[in-house]
Amino acid sequence: MSDPQREVLLEFDEVGFSFDDQDFTGASHPVLAGVDLLLRRGDFLAVLGPQSAGASTLCRLAAGLLTVEGQTTGQITRGGSVAMLGDDPEAQLSGMTSFAADEIRLPARLHGIELQEADGRAEQAARALGITHLGARRLETLSGGERQLTALASLMALQPDLLILDQPALALDAPARSRLVQALQEHCAAGGAVLVTSHQYDDVAAAADEFLTIDQGVTSANFPVESLPQHGVWQPRAGVAGTPSTADPESSEGSGAFPGAAAGSPVLEVADLTVSFSGRRVLDAAQLSLSPGETMAVLGPNGSGKSTLLRTIAGLHRAPNARGWFRSRRGRSSGSALEVSGSIRLTGQEISELPAHHRVPQLAWVGQDPGVQLSAPTVVKELQRALVEEPSPKQVEEVLAITGLTGLETEHPYDLSPSQRKDLVIATALLLQPAVLLLDEPTLGRDASAMDQLNRMVDSFTGAGGAVLLTTHDHVWAGHIAQKVQAIDITSTN
């Protein structure tokens, strides 16, 4: 009998998987082929690869979520309990609760765990991820990273033997990634196991005891870290997790320089922009100035107000009478009073009291969650709906090329990868020919090829005289892509 502390929790032996009816001919194509992996108690494994390589399918198959959706070959052995967080963690929030503490506790309660124990587990999970201070916050007031951590904490409160996490560091700042790494290592030390996937060799992937690469459904082992870009994996920290940033977030100048960057009259000016929800300040006296041809990167931890800044500039948070009501991203009244003050000037004109649709097409906003901005059944129909008058085939062809979506015209937007969905929203924005492009966390979920494509898109847009205001947690990339780097952190005053 094997040592129970090293019990096998997951084993794939020559595993393949094909979805049923993958194309219009009814043919089935393999998504995974000949996959071997072994996870015992205490193991921490990272599976790294480019978009559409099969990593998410591997996770879902390992969690037992694809038993009726396709054909499986080979042998899968599972031991113990399993919990999985998908690559869209916000979609795993239940919609049954209003506050973070209740959401973290809910799965344990639904599994029949008594209230007192469920409370203890929820508090322990929240403490491990550093989010105990979020317990009394309404879910719709949390940032994307905070919602991601809330969803993860709710799974950790179940205390599963095996945690399967598909791109768990997507929207997390550096301190949050560090806490996540520590929590996962503690889970393994207590006898659990962890399987993570990523398109990027980030802090979480670097903390794994072992990693496999995956491409076109085939896994490989024993590759040096330095070779990961050759396998489509982006290395946001030049391959060394924890390398200090080369960008100074307190300075106004980054290291990047793009053709077309020009001095002169600012195209966008923000002065003393302050936003509060129900008396809680979420953006405090923000200041910025952006000229044609420039890119500015806004840095800050989860919950610092980065997304609020972009949404307010876009007109999505607006209260011309000082108080108003906003609606949550799910369309329900949040019951949170919104207060906005300060100045927003676009090409010299004050626009702070204009509704969002009057700021278009000069301002184009691409949010952190692209799903809420997509509604058409195919990629090309989404683009055709972008303008009041349908764009020409040439215009559509051009934005497809610049965003790397050529060949995906007939795909449903929700069949795209998360970063491709964001690229589709960017493509619709580019059709508007805006003066300023607002990009909220554009690097989320990107592999090496998609990062190159994003850099080319920003280069092309600014080279033609456009301006880009973006948010990111990646200081190194910010220093490369932007002429200006600005830090905000409302969390230090709350």
Foldseek 3Di string as FASTA:
>chain_A
DDDQLFAWAKWFAQKWKWFFQPDPVRDIDIQAGGDTDTWTQLAEEEEAFAPSLNPQVVLCVRQVNCPPGTDMDGDMDHDWHEDEQHLQNLVLQDVPDFFLLCSLLPVCVVVVHDPVLSSVLLCVLCVLQVNPVRGGPTLLLFFSLNSLSSSVSSRVSNLTQEYEYEQSCQAFFPVSLVSVQVSQSVSSVVRHYYYYYALECEPNNVSGPAYWYTGSNYIDGDDDQQCVVVRQRHYLQNSDYPDDFPFDQAFFFFQADFAQDDDDAFQKWWFQKWKDWQNRTQAGGDTDTHFWLFEEEEEEGGSQCLQVVLCQLLQQQADPPQWDWHAGLVGHTSPIIMGIDTFMAGNRHTCNHPHNVVCPPQEAEQHPQLVSVDDDQWLQVRLQPLDPHGDDPVLLVVLCVLQVNPPRGGHGLVVGDRLSSSSSSVSSSVSRVHQEYEEEANCRRHTPVNVVSVLSSLSVSSNVGHYYYYYHSRSNVSSHRGRTRHYGGCVVVD
